[in-house]
Protein backbone atom coordinates (compact mmCIF):
# COMPACT_ATOMS: atom_id res chain seq x y z
CA MET A 1 10.16 17.96 -21.24
CA THR A 2 13.80 16.65 -22.63
CA THR A 3 15.60 15.53 -19.60
CA PRO A 4 14.54 13.94 -16.32
CA SER A 5 15.29 16.00 -13.26
CA THR A 6 18.24 15.36 -11.02
CA SER A 7 17.43 17.60 -8.46
CA PRO A 8 17.70 15.62 -4.71
CA GLY A 9 14.22 13.61 -3.54
CA PRO A 10 12.37 14.43 -0.65
CA ASP A 11 13.24 14.31 3.10
CA PRO A 12 12.69 10.64 4.23
CA GLN A 13 10.79 12.23 6.58
CA ASP A 14 8.32 13.74 4.27
CA ARG A 15 6.52 10.81 3.36
CA SER A 16 3.74 10.54 1.21
CA PRO A 17 0.74 7.88 2.25
CA LEU A 18 0.97 4.56 1.00
CA PRO A 19 -0.38 3.68 -2.21
CA ARG A 20 -3.04 1.10 -1.41
CA LEU A 21 -6.39 -0.86 -2.64
CA GLU A 22 -9.78 0.52 -1.86
CA ARG A 23 -13.39 -0.81 -3.12
CA SER A 24 -15.72 1.29 -4.92
CA GLY A 25 -18.93 -0.48 -5.35
CA THR A 26 -17.75 -3.76 -7.12
CA ALA A 27 -14.80 -2.63 -8.35
CA THR A 28 -11.27 -1.85 -6.74
CA GLN A 29 -9.06 1.08 -7.22
CA LEU A 30 -5.74 1.77 -6.56
CA VAL A 31 -5.67 4.67 -4.42
CA VAL A 32 -2.21 6.97 -4.61
CA ASP A 33 -1.57 9.91 -2.87
CA GLY A 34 -5.14 9.56 -1.42
CA ALA A 35 -6.64 9.51 -4.70
CA PRO A 36 -7.95 7.31 -6.89
CA PHE A 37 -5.40 6.39 -9.75
CA ILE A 38 -5.91 4.74 -12.97
CA ILE A 39 -2.43 3.35 -14.39
CA ARG A 40 -2.17 4.00 -18.41
CA GLY A 41 0.72 1.82 -18.23
CA GLY A 42 3.55 0.12 -20.56
CA GLU A 43 5.62 -2.39 -19.60
CA LEU A 44 9.82 -2.28 -20.73
CA GLY A 45 11.12 -5.54 -22.48
CA ASN A 46 12.99 -7.71 -20.07
CA SER A 47 16.46 -6.28 -20.52
CA SER A 48 15.34 -2.71 -20.85
CA ALA A 49 15.11 -1.41 -17.39
CA GLU A 50 18.53 0.19 -17.14
CA ARG A 51 19.85 4.07 -17.19
CA THR A 52 22.26 3.47 -19.65
CA PHE A 53 19.72 1.99 -22.02
CA LEU A 54 16.23 3.47 -21.14
CA ALA A 55 17.62 7.08 -20.90
CA GLU A 56 16.59 7.53 -24.92
CA HIS A 57 13.34 6.25 -24.59
CA TRP A 58 11.82 8.01 -21.55
CA SER A 59 10.61 11.15 -24.10
CA ARG A 60 8.81 8.71 -26.46
CA LEU A 61 7.35 6.78 -23.10
CA GLU A 62 6.02 10.73 -22.29
CA ALA A 63 4.73 11.34 -25.68
CA LEU A 64 2.70 7.67 -25.59
CA GLY A 65 0.42 9.34 -22.52
CA LEU A 66 1.91 6.81 -19.85
CA ASN A 67 1.66 7.91 -16.12
CA ALA A 68 3.23 4.52 -15.20
CA VAL A 69 5.84 2.22 -16.38
CA VAL A 70 5.92 -1.44 -15.56
CA ALA A 71 9.85 -2.32 -15.20
CA PRO A 72 11.65 -5.54 -13.72
CA VAL A 73 14.07 -5.69 -10.74
CA TYR A 74 16.39 -8.52 -11.46
CA TRP A 75 17.78 -10.74 -8.45
CA ASP A 76 20.97 -11.40 -10.29
CA VAL A 77 21.97 -7.91 -10.67
CA VAL A 78 20.95 -6.51 -7.04
CA GLU A 79 22.46 -9.25 -5.14
CA PRO A 80 25.65 -10.07 -6.97
CA VAL A 81 27.06 -12.10 -3.61
CA GLU A 82 24.76 -13.33 -1.50
CA GLY A 83 24.13 -10.68 1.34
CA GLN A 84 25.49 -7.89 -0.96
CA PHE A 85 23.23 -5.66 -2.52
CA ASP A 86 23.68 -3.39 -5.05
CA TRP A 87 20.58 -0.92 -5.39
CA ARG A 88 21.92 1.61 -8.12
CA SER A 89 19.57 -0.05 -10.95
CA VAL A 90 17.29 0.40 -9.07
CA ASP A 91 17.48 3.77 -7.66
CA GLU A 92 18.02 5.00 -11.62
CA LEU A 93 14.74 3.59 -12.24
CA VAL A 94 12.94 5.51 -9.50
CA GLU A 95 14.49 8.75 -9.88
CA ASP A 96 14.16 8.81 -13.92
CA ALA A 97 10.71 7.86 -13.79
CA HIS A 98 9.98 10.40 -10.79
CA GLY A 99 11.62 13.11 -12.92
CA TYR A 100 9.01 12.18 -15.92
CA GLY A 101 6.48 12.85 -13.65
CA MET A 102 5.34 8.96 -14.00
CA ARG A 103 4.99 5.95 -11.41
CA LEU A 104 6.50 2.56 -11.12
CA VAL A 105 4.68 -0.96 -11.04
CA LEU A 106 8.09 -2.85 -10.22
CA LEU A 107 8.23 -6.44 -11.31
CA TRP A 108 10.47 -8.98 -8.99
CA PHE A 109 12.25 -11.18 -11.06
CA GLY A 110 13.19 -13.90 -8.83
CA SER A 111 13.22 -17.65 -8.69
CA TRP A 112 10.97 -17.33 -11.71
CA LYS A 113 10.51 -15.38 -14.77
CA ASN A 114 8.45 -17.53 -17.69
CA SER A 115 8.65 -20.27 -15.12
CA MET A 116 12.59 -20.39 -15.67
CA SER A 117 15.01 -19.31 -13.01
CA SER A 118 16.99 -17.61 -15.03
CA TYR A 119 17.28 -14.38 -13.36
CA VAL A 120 18.87 -15.86 -9.66
CA PRO A 121 21.90 -14.99 -8.84
CA GLY A 122 24.98 -16.94 -9.95
CA TRP A 123 25.57 -18.12 -6.11
CA VAL A 124 22.33 -19.92 -6.68
CA LYS A 125 22.56 -21.33 -9.79
CA THR A 126 26.04 -22.94 -9.33
CA ASP A 127 25.13 -24.42 -5.85
CA VAL A 128 22.75 -26.75 -6.91
CA ALA A 129 23.06 -29.23 -3.90
CA ARG A 130 21.82 -26.18 -1.61
CA PHE A 131 19.40 -24.94 -4.22
CA PRO A 132 18.07 -27.81 -6.29
CA ARG A 133 15.88 -27.61 -9.24
CA SER A 134 12.63 -29.33 -10.26
CA ARG A 135 13.06 -32.53 -12.03
CA ASP A 136 11.03 -34.09 -14.70
CA SER A 137 9.68 -37.78 -14.84
CA ARG A 138 13.25 -39.33 -15.97
CA GLY A 139 14.78 -37.44 -13.14
CA LYS A 140 16.62 -34.93 -15.39
CA ALA A 141 17.18 -31.45 -13.61
CA LEU A 142 15.18 -28.41 -15.13
CA GLU A 143 16.05 -24.89 -15.29
CA ILE A 144 13.71 -24.74 -12.58
CA LEU A 145 14.05 -24.14 -8.91
CA THR A 146 12.25 -26.62 -6.85
CA PRO A 147 9.39 -24.67 -4.87
CA PHE A 148 9.68 -27.78 -2.62
CA ASP A 149 12.45 -26.50 -0.72
CA ASP A 150 13.11 -24.20 2.00
CA ALA A 151 16.65 -22.50 1.22
CA ASN A 152 15.23 -21.56 -2.16
CA ARG A 153 12.37 -19.94 -0.88
CA ASP A 154 14.03 -18.18 2.00
CA ALA A 155 16.80 -16.93 -0.37
CA ASP A 156 14.25 -15.38 -2.25
CA ALA A 157 12.10 -13.86 0.44
CA ARG A 158 15.44 -12.14 2.06
CA ALA A 159 16.51 -10.67 -1.05
CA PHE A 160 12.47 -9.62 -1.85
CA ALA A 161 12.41 -8.23 1.61
CA ALA A 162 15.78 -6.26 1.18
CA LEU A 163 14.23 -4.85 -2.29
CA MET A 164 10.91 -3.42 -0.16
CA GLY A 165 13.09 -2.25 2.95
CA HIS A 166 15.39 -0.38 0.42
CA LEU A 167 12.21 1.18 -1.27
CA ARG A 168 10.88 2.15 2.65
CA GLU A 169 13.93 4.26 2.98
CA ALA A 170 14.93 5.39 -0.58
CA ASP A 171 11.48 5.72 -2.14
CA PRO A 172 9.36 8.10 0.37
CA GLU A 173 7.30 9.92 -2.67
CA HIS A 174 6.05 6.37 -3.24
CA VAL A 175 7.24 6.37 -6.82
CA VAL A 176 6.46 2.64 -6.68
CA VAL A 177 2.47 2.12 -6.45
CA LEU A 178 2.65 -2.15 -7.22
CA VAL A 179 4.63 -4.52 -7.26
CA GLN A 180 4.84 -7.96 -8.68
CA VAL A 181 6.13 -10.78 -7.16
CA GLU A 182 7.86 -13.28 -9.74
CA ASN A 183 7.17 -13.41 -13.25
CA GLU A 184 4.81 -16.12 -15.22
CA ILE A 185 5.47 -18.79 -12.68
CA GLY A 186 4.34 -22.34 -14.02
CA MET A 187 5.75 -25.86 -14.57
CA ILE A 188 6.95 -27.02 -17.99
CA PRO A 189 7.37 -29.34 -20.10
CA GLU A 190 5.72 -31.44 -17.60
CA ALA A 191 2.68 -30.54 -15.23
CA ARG A 192 4.47 -31.58 -11.82
CA ASP A 193 7.81 -31.35 -10.14
CA ARG A 194 9.56 -35.11 -9.77
CA THR A 195 11.71 -34.28 -6.99
CA PRO A 196 11.57 -36.91 -4.19
CA GLU A 197 10.20 -34.16 -1.81
CA ALA A 198 7.71 -33.33 -4.56
CA ASP A 199 6.41 -37.05 -4.89
CA ALA A 200 6.46 -37.45 -1.11
CA ALA A 201 3.93 -34.50 -0.60
CA PHE A 202 1.86 -35.78 -3.89
CA ALA A 203 1.69 -38.90 -2.30
CA GLY A 204 0.45 -37.20 1.14
CA PRO A 205 -3.09 -35.57 1.92
CA VAL A 206 -4.02 -32.65 0.62
CA PRO A 207 -3.39 -29.74 3.23
CA ALA A 208 -5.92 -29.38 5.72
CA ALA A 209 -5.76 -25.42 4.72
CA LEU A 210 -6.50 -25.88 1.05
CA MET A 211 -9.25 -28.42 1.96
CA ALA A 212 -10.70 -25.94 4.98
CA TYR A 213 -10.61 -22.69 2.57
CA LEU A 214 -12.41 -25.04 -0.29
CA GLY A 215 -15.20 -26.45 2.27
CA GLU A 216 -15.76 -22.59 3.41
CA HIS A 217 -15.90 -21.42 -0.24
CA ARG A 218 -17.74 -24.16 -2.15
CA GLU A 219 -20.75 -22.26 -3.35
CA THR A 220 -18.09 -19.71 -5.10
CA LEU A 221 -15.40 -21.94 -6.14
CA ALA A 222 -14.31 -21.44 -10.02
CA PRO A 223 -16.30 -23.59 -11.96
CA GLU A 224 -13.63 -25.86 -13.39
CA LEU A 225 -12.36 -26.46 -9.75
CA ALA A 226 -16.01 -27.17 -8.54
CA ALA A 227 -16.76 -30.08 -11.21
CA GLN A 228 -13.13 -31.47 -11.00
CA TRP A 229 -13.91 -31.70 -7.07
CA SER A 230 -17.44 -32.92 -7.59
CA ALA A 231 -16.45 -35.49 -10.16
CA ALA A 232 -14.05 -37.14 -7.83
CA GLY A 233 -16.33 -37.57 -5.35
CA GLY A 234 -16.23 -34.10 -3.50
CA ARG A 235 -14.17 -35.49 -0.89
CA SER A 236 -12.90 -33.37 2.50
CA GLU A 237 -9.81 -35.66 2.99
CA GLY A 238 -7.13 -37.97 1.04
CA THR A 239 -4.32 -37.78 -0.96
CA TRP A 240 -4.39 -35.54 -4.05
CA THR A 241 -5.88 -38.28 -6.33
CA ASP A 242 -8.46 -39.32 -3.88
CA VAL A 243 -9.84 -35.95 -3.64
CA PHE A 244 -9.50 -34.76 -7.23
CA GLY A 245 -8.70 -37.56 -9.15
CA ALA A 246 -5.91 -38.59 -11.25
CA GLY A 247 -4.52 -36.69 -14.10
CA PRO A 248 -2.61 -33.43 -15.23
CA ALA A 249 -5.51 -31.57 -13.52
CA THR A 250 -4.74 -32.71 -10.48
CA ASP A 251 -0.79 -32.50 -11.04
CA GLU A 252 -1.68 -28.85 -12.01
CA LEU A 253 -3.77 -28.11 -8.64
CA PHE A 254 -1.10 -29.68 -6.13
CA MET A 255 1.75 -27.68 -8.33
CA ALA A 256 -0.51 -24.49 -7.95
CA TRP A 257 -0.76 -25.11 -4.21
CA ALA A 258 3.39 -25.70 -3.85
CA PHE A 259 3.67 -22.26 -6.04
CA ALA A 260 1.54 -20.28 -3.78
CA ARG A 261 2.94 -21.22 -0.54
CA TYR A 262 6.09 -19.94 -1.80
CA VAL A 263 4.98 -16.87 -3.11
CA GLN A 264 2.69 -16.36 0.00
CA ALA A 265 6.25 -16.43 2.01
CA VAL A 266 8.45 -13.90 -0.66
CA THR A 267 5.23 -12.02 -0.50
CA ALA A 268 4.57 -11.80 3.17
CA ALA A 269 8.30 -10.89 3.51
CA GLY A 270 8.37 -8.20 1.65
CA LYS A 271 4.95 -6.75 3.08
CA ALA A 272 6.56 -6.96 6.62
CA GLU A 273 9.27 -4.63 4.99
CA LEU A 274 6.82 -2.12 2.91
CA ASP A 275 3.28 -3.16 2.61
CA LEU A 276 2.50 -2.12 -1.13
CA PRO A 277 -0.40 -3.87 -3.23
CA MET A 278 1.18 -6.78 -4.62
CA TYR A 279 0.09 -9.36 -7.12
CA THR A 280 1.67 -12.10 -9.49
CA ASN A 281 0.41 -12.66 -12.83
CA ALA A 282 -0.10 -15.71 -15.26
CA ALA A 283 1.27 -16.75 -19.05
CA LEU A 284 -2.34 -18.04 -20.41
CA ILE A 285 -3.69 -21.32 -22.12
CA ARG A 286 -2.92 -21.75 -25.41
CA PRO A 287 -5.99 -23.36 -26.89
CA GLY A 288 -5.85 -26.91 -26.93
CA THR A 289 -3.01 -27.38 -24.68
CA GLN A 290 -2.62 -29.47 -21.39
CA PRO A 291 -0.77 -28.62 -18.13
CA GLY A 292 2.81 -28.88 -18.67
CA GLN A 293 2.69 -27.89 -22.63
CA TYR A 294 1.97 -24.02 -21.41
CA PRO A 295 3.49 -22.73 -18.12
CA SER A 296 1.16 -24.45 -15.85
CA ALA A 297 -0.08 -24.03 -11.95
CA GLY A 298 0.46 -20.50 -12.53
CA PRO A 299 -2.20 -17.73 -11.02
CA LEU A 300 -4.56 -18.98 -13.96
CA PRO A 301 -8.71 -18.19 -13.35
CA HIS A 302 -9.78 -21.62 -12.86
CA LEU A 303 -6.71 -22.15 -10.02
CA ILE A 304 -7.69 -18.85 -8.37
CA ASP A 305 -9.24 -20.49 -5.14
CA VAL A 306 -5.61 -22.02 -4.71
CA TRP A 307 -3.62 -19.39 -5.28
CA ARG A 308 -5.89 -17.28 -2.62
CA ALA A 309 -6.10 -20.27 -0.20
CA GLY A 310 -2.08 -20.62 -0.33
CA ALA A 311 -1.27 -17.24 -0.92
CA PRO A 312 -3.27 -14.62 1.13
CA ALA A 313 -1.04 -11.92 1.04
CA LEU A 314 -1.42 -11.29 -2.50
CA ASP A 315 -4.00 -8.54 -3.44
CA PHE A 316 -4.76 -9.97 -6.63
CA ILE A 317 -3.74 -11.79 -9.62
CA ALA A 318 -3.36 -10.70 -13.08
CA PRO A 319 -3.48 -12.01 -16.62
CA ASP A 320 -0.99 -11.07 -19.50
CA ILE A 321 -2.63 -10.85 -22.33
CA TYR A 322 -1.78 -11.79 -25.87
CA PHE A 323 -4.50 -13.98 -27.54
CA PRO A 324 -7.01 -12.11 -29.72
CA ASN A 325 -9.79 -13.45 -27.44
CA PHE A 326 -9.17 -10.72 -24.99
CA ILE A 327 -12.90 -10.17 -24.01
CA GLU A 328 -12.88 -14.16 -22.47
CA TRP A 329 -9.77 -13.78 -20.76
CA ALA A 330 -10.54 -10.09 -19.05
CA ASP A 331 -13.93 -11.59 -18.02
CA ARG A 332 -12.60 -14.90 -16.55
CA TYR A 333 -10.19 -12.90 -14.19
CA VAL A 334 -13.14 -10.91 -12.70
CA ARG A 335 -15.61 -13.37 -12.28
CA SER A 336 -15.09 -13.99 -8.69
CA GLY A 337 -14.46 -10.21 -8.02
CA ASN A 338 -10.70 -10.44 -8.30
CA PRO A 339 -9.67 -7.00 -9.78
CA LEU A 340 -8.67 -6.40 -13.43
CA PHE A 341 -5.09 -5.32 -13.87
CA ILE A 342 -3.43 -6.27 -17.03
CA PRO A 343 1.03 -5.84 -16.61
CA GLU A 344 1.47 -7.46 -20.41
CA ALA A 345 -0.62 -6.79 -23.61
CA LEU A 346 0.45 -7.73 -27.03
CA ARG A 347 1.79 -4.52 -28.26
CA SER A 348 -0.50 -4.44 -31.66
CA VAL A 349 -3.34 -1.92 -33.02
CA ASP A 350 -5.78 -3.73 -30.80
CA ALA A 351 -4.15 -2.87 -27.81
CA ALA A 352 -5.79 0.99 -28.30
CA ALA A 353 -9.07 -0.62 -27.68
CA ASN A 354 -8.76 -3.54 -25.60
CA ALA A 355 -7.48 -0.88 -23.00
CA LEU A 356 -11.21 0.93 -23.56
CA TYR A 357 -12.79 -2.28 -22.91
CA ALA A 358 -10.69 -2.96 -19.75
CA TYR A 359 -11.07 0.42 -18.20
CA GLY A 360 -15.04 0.94 -19.00
CA LYS A 361 -16.35 -2.35 -18.76
CA HIS A 362 -14.35 -3.69 -15.76
CA ALA A 363 -12.98 -0.73 -14.14
CA ALA A 364 -9.26 -2.10 -14.53
CA ILE A 365 -6.71 -0.77 -12.26
CA GLY A 366 -4.66 -0.50 -15.21
CA PHE A 367 -3.60 -1.95 -18.85
CA SER A 368 -0.05 -1.95 -20.19
CA PRO A 369 0.85 -3.31 -23.72
CA PHE A 370 4.42 -5.00 -23.73
CA GLY A 371 7.64 -4.13 -24.66
CA ILE A 372 6.51 -0.73 -25.04
CA GLU A 373 10.05 0.81 -25.99
CA THR A 374 9.79 -0.97 -29.04
CA ILE A 375 6.20 -0.23 -30.17
CA GLU A 376 5.65 0.47 -33.45
CA GLU A 377 4.37 3.70 -35.21
CA THR A 378 0.77 2.94 -36.04
CA PRO A 379 0.07 0.85 -32.76
CA ALA A 380 1.73 4.13 -30.59
CA ARG A 381 -0.15 6.97 -32.51
CA LEU A 382 -3.44 4.54 -31.79
CA LEU A 383 -2.31 3.74 -28.19
CA ALA A 384 -1.32 7.56 -27.42
CA ALA A 385 -4.72 8.84 -28.69
CA SER A 386 -6.96 5.88 -26.49
CA TYR A 387 -4.37 6.82 -23.63
CA ASP A 388 -5.91 10.58 -24.65
CA VAL A 389 -9.63 9.54 -24.36
CA VAL A 390 -8.78 7.70 -20.95
CA ARG A 391 -6.75 10.63 -19.15
CA GLN A 392 -9.72 13.04 -20.16
CA LEU A 393 -12.34 10.32 -18.76
CA THR A 394 -10.80 9.50 -15.80
CA PRO A 395 -12.39 11.59 -13.60
CA LEU A 396 -15.57 9.70 -15.13
CA LEU A 397 -14.43 6.58 -14.80
CA VAL A 398 -13.48 7.29 -10.93
CA GLN A 399 -16.88 8.17 -10.00
CA HIS A 400 -18.64 5.46 -11.79
CA ALA A 401 -16.29 2.63 -10.78
CA GLY A 402 -18.41 -0.63 -9.17
CA LYS A 403 -21.78 1.41 -9.66
CA GLY A 404 -23.17 -0.47 -12.76
CA THR A 405 -23.37 3.06 -14.99
CA MET A 406 -20.50 2.25 -17.12
CA THR A 407 -19.07 -0.24 -19.79
CA GLY A 408 -16.71 -1.02 -22.34
CA LEU A 409 -17.43 -1.95 -26.07
CA LEU A 410 -15.40 -4.57 -28.13
CA PRO A 411 -16.10 -6.59 -31.02
CA PRO A 412 -17.07 -10.18 -30.22
CA ALA A 413 -15.68 -13.06 -31.34
CA ASP A 414 -18.90 -14.02 -32.95
CA ASP A 415 -21.15 -12.91 -35.40
CA GLN A 416 -20.63 -9.42 -36.08
CA ARG A 417 -23.03 -8.58 -38.79
CA VAL A 418 -25.84 -8.22 -36.00
CA PRO A 419 -25.65 -5.57 -33.53
CA HIS A 420 -23.82 -6.10 -30.10
CA ARG A 421 -26.43 -5.84 -27.72
CA VAL A 422 -25.26 -4.60 -24.16
CA PRO A 423 -27.48 -3.53 -21.34
CA LEU A 424 -26.59 -0.17 -19.33
CA GLY A 425 -28.93 0.82 -16.78
CA ASP A 426 -32.37 1.55 -18.60
CA VAL A 427 -31.13 1.44 -22.11
CA VAL A 428 -29.69 -1.09 -24.15
CA LEU A 429 -26.65 -0.33 -26.55
CA ALA A 430 -26.69 -1.56 -29.77
CA ALA A 431 -23.37 -1.54 -31.16
CA ARG A 432 -21.54 -2.02 -34.55
CA TYR A 433 -18.23 -1.93 -35.17
CA GLU A 434 -16.13 -0.55 -38.24
CA ARG A 435 -12.44 -1.67 -38.95
CA ILE A 436 -11.07 0.17 -41.57
CA ALA A 437 -7.56 -0.59 -43.03
CA ALA A 438 -4.60 1.78 -41.81
CA PRO A 439 -4.47 4.71 -43.69
CA SER A 440 -0.56 3.94 -44.88
CA LEU A 441 -1.50 0.69 -45.45
CA ALA A 442 -5.06 0.86 -47.28
CA ASP A 443 -3.25 0.90 -51.15
CA GLY A 444 -0.85 -1.93 -50.10
CA VAL A 445 2.42 -1.95 -49.98
CA ILE A 446 5.49 -3.33 -52.46
CA ASN A 447 6.89 -6.77 -51.44
CA GLU A 448 10.22 -7.97 -52.07
CA VAL A 449 9.68 -9.11 -55.57
CA GLY A 450 7.77 -5.99 -56.85
CA ASP A 451 4.06 -6.89 -56.32
CA ARG A 452 1.46 -4.99 -54.53
CA ALA A 453 0.99 -7.08 -51.31
CA LYS A 454 -2.24 -5.99 -49.63
CA ASP A 455 -1.35 -5.47 -45.46
CA THR A 456 -4.36 -6.61 -43.76
CA THR A 457 -3.42 -4.10 -40.52
CA ARG A 458 -6.89 -3.13 -39.64
CA LEU A 459 -7.73 -0.14 -37.03
CA PRO A 460 -9.30 -0.65 -33.85
CA ALA A 461 -13.03 -0.75 -32.80
CA GLY A 462 -14.12 0.10 -29.17
CA ALA A 463 -15.60 2.35 -26.35
CA ILE A 464 -16.29 3.15 -22.99
CA VAL A 465 -20.09 4.29 -22.24
CA ILE A 466 -20.94 6.12 -19.18
CA ALA A 467 -24.04 6.84 -18.12
CA THR A 468 -23.50 10.07 -16.48
CA GLY A 469 -27.08 11.01 -15.56
CA PRO A 470 -31.01 9.81 -16.74
CA ASP A 471 -30.84 9.18 -20.24
CA GLU A 472 -27.38 11.14 -20.63
CA LEU A 473 -24.03 9.51 -21.90
CA VAL A 474 -20.68 10.18 -22.41
CA VAL A 475 -19.04 7.80 -25.29
CA GLY A 476 -15.23 7.72 -26.05
CA GLY A 477 -13.68 5.51 -28.57
CA ILE A 478 -12.97 4.80 -32.28
CA GLY A 479 -15.13 3.00 -34.79
CA VAL A 480 -18.28 2.24 -33.01
CA THR A 481 -21.88 3.16 -33.90
CA LEU A 482 -24.42 3.13 -31.37
CA THR A 483 -28.56 2.75 -31.55
CA PHE A 484 -30.34 2.64 -28.26
CA ASP A 485 -33.32 0.29 -27.01
CA PRO A 486 -35.38 0.56 -23.88
CA VAL A 487 -34.49 -2.53 -21.37
CA ASP A 488 -38.44 -3.87 -21.63
CA ALA A 489 -38.58 -3.81 -25.59
CA GLY A 490 -41.82 -2.55 -26.92
CA THR A 491 -42.68 -0.10 -24.81
CA GLU A 492 -41.26 2.77 -25.88
CA THR A 493 -38.82 4.11 -28.64
CA VAL A 494 -35.20 5.89 -27.63
CA GLY A 495 -34.20 8.72 -29.52
CA ILE A 496 -31.19 10.98 -29.68
CA LEU A 497 -32.12 14.55 -28.33
CA SER A 498 -28.91 16.06 -28.79
CA CYS A 499 -25.15 14.87 -29.20
CA GLU A 500 -22.09 16.99 -29.50
CA GLU A 501 -18.21 16.15 -29.51
CA GLY A 502 -15.69 17.83 -27.42
CA ARG A 503 -13.04 17.55 -25.01
CA TYR A 504 -12.42 17.68 -21.26
CA ASP A 505 -9.73 20.24 -20.30
CA ASP A 506 -7.30 19.25 -17.39
CA ALA A 507 -9.48 20.44 -14.75
CA GLY A 508 -12.30 18.19 -16.07
CA VAL A 509 -14.59 20.65 -17.73
CA TRP A 510 -15.97 19.84 -20.73
CA GLN A 511 -14.94 21.81 -23.90
CA HIS A 512 -17.73 22.12 -26.33
CA ARG A 513 -16.15 21.58 -30.06
CA ARG A 514 -19.59 20.98 -32.25
CA TRP A 515 -22.73 19.59 -32.44
CA LEU A 516 -23.45 16.66 -34.37
CA ASN A 517 -26.76 16.19 -36.45
CA GLY A 518 -27.76 15.45 -40.18
CA ASP A 519 -25.53 12.90 -41.62
CA GLN A 520 -23.32 12.90 -38.57
CA THR A 521 -25.91 11.33 -36.48
CA HIS A 522 -27.73 9.73 -39.59
CA GLN A 523 -30.36 12.42 -39.35
CA GLY A 524 -30.93 11.58 -35.42
CA ARG A 525 -30.63 7.78 -35.78
CA HIS A 526 -27.26 6.89 -34.26
CA VAL A 527 -24.30 8.07 -32.64
CA ARG A 528 -21.06 7.19 -34.49
CA LEU A 529 -17.18 7.37 -33.45
CA GLU A 530 -15.64 7.26 -37.02
CA PRO A 531 -13.36 4.66 -37.81
CA GLY A 532 -9.93 5.50 -37.66
CA ARG A 533 -10.16 8.52 -35.28
CA PHE A 534 -10.79 8.55 -31.48
CA ALA A 535 -13.44 11.12 -29.95
CA ILE A 536 -15.40 11.77 -27.06
CA GLN A 537 -19.36 12.75 -27.71
CA ARG A 538 -21.98 13.67 -24.81
CA VAL A 539 -25.33 12.38 -25.81
CA ARG A 540 -28.89 13.36 -24.92
CA LEU A 541 -31.38 10.54 -25.17
CA TYR A 542 -35.14 11.04 -25.05
CA ARG A 543 -38.22 8.44 -25.04
CA TYR A 544 -41.32 8.33 -26.61
CA ARG A 545 -44.34 6.42 -27.72
């Protein structure tokens, strides 16, 4: 395909069913056109969503194996004059994505984007009296709309509702399958808004609705919140400092409630027009920083209970994972039943393996490296190969989601010299990881002064493992060697009965390529996904004493 289709869209009366979320065991699946849909995504750069710029990039996005693009909608562009909407940028995005056979996750850049209010329209920015800003402890106005003002909230909610109402009429096939409300909300450079309205709310009682939620969910609260509440005495009423103690952590809880209530109003207004699944995302906490030093009070895992209480219209919260401790952050976001969707991930070589972990371990709704239109050659090649594995395994991923019969493997942060032991049903996987230098960089590169400078870029290692039946596995990934042990050590030995490499065709039928034995399985002692090459293998185990 070289150019998107320009044929007219379907009759608005011929509508596809609304995308929705459904539980499958312990997992949550996105259902599109009546079937589970796993997002192999990529998020556009902030200023890359207009047709005049994006037209030259669609073919490359297609070649990467994407089935969805995560793209912003700009409040200042669609409502340049209050109450007057220009939907051309949205309509062109939907039309072009549809022409390339892709879905869209739309990001509403409304009141806040990376904490700041840089995408609000000029008529909001220039009328500070009507649309007030947050203030710091010195009284200085910040480039952040205060969440303690109804005019700010209502203007955003009206615009977002107008967007969703427009999509209801202009997108009958539901090219748009998910919507993100705002982007990386958070307070910075201080932990708390200091407007008079904010100070008055902070000095007042903790809202009864929040206290009721915390009381009802006391046994399942995020451990950080439970510990803070308990340390302050576990009171059921009082001011914010009475209930949670004094300090930046309480300032963050207070602001999380304010942001959540604001987002609730915006989300509910949009869902009243078109009830698509909606979420909001978070910038994560840089190690060693305190609230206010990072965009605090956003939908972070230690604040999930505040966000659930304050914004029940949201379907889930999502992490933007740029830090190397990918496993830790992915695991934290699912610990209370929250579905995992990663709208932004670092577009490094590691993205290809991180995606496998997210899909395999947590049955992720989707994964999406940021700035996808500018991804470099080596990460792009790896991501395309990883997404091809995910595409082939999608029927199995859908079938086994939430049933405890699949997992994801990624090198742990601790000592990698010992096998990484991961239980899966009645077998224990013992994984070792091989990360070799990228082939084009293995011999180093010549630097500016003519010396050979060794490049430390290493190819990723990771895998999806699915137990398709008793002692039957499908393994897909790169750079992982597996041996197998019984769950009850010492009772029996688990051996490899057979191992074959192949592919699943578009109908989901296995196509055999070759049997693996001898050197390829270390004479029947391990299953090895070679470093530097993505592959899928089917494995049969047996047991003996």
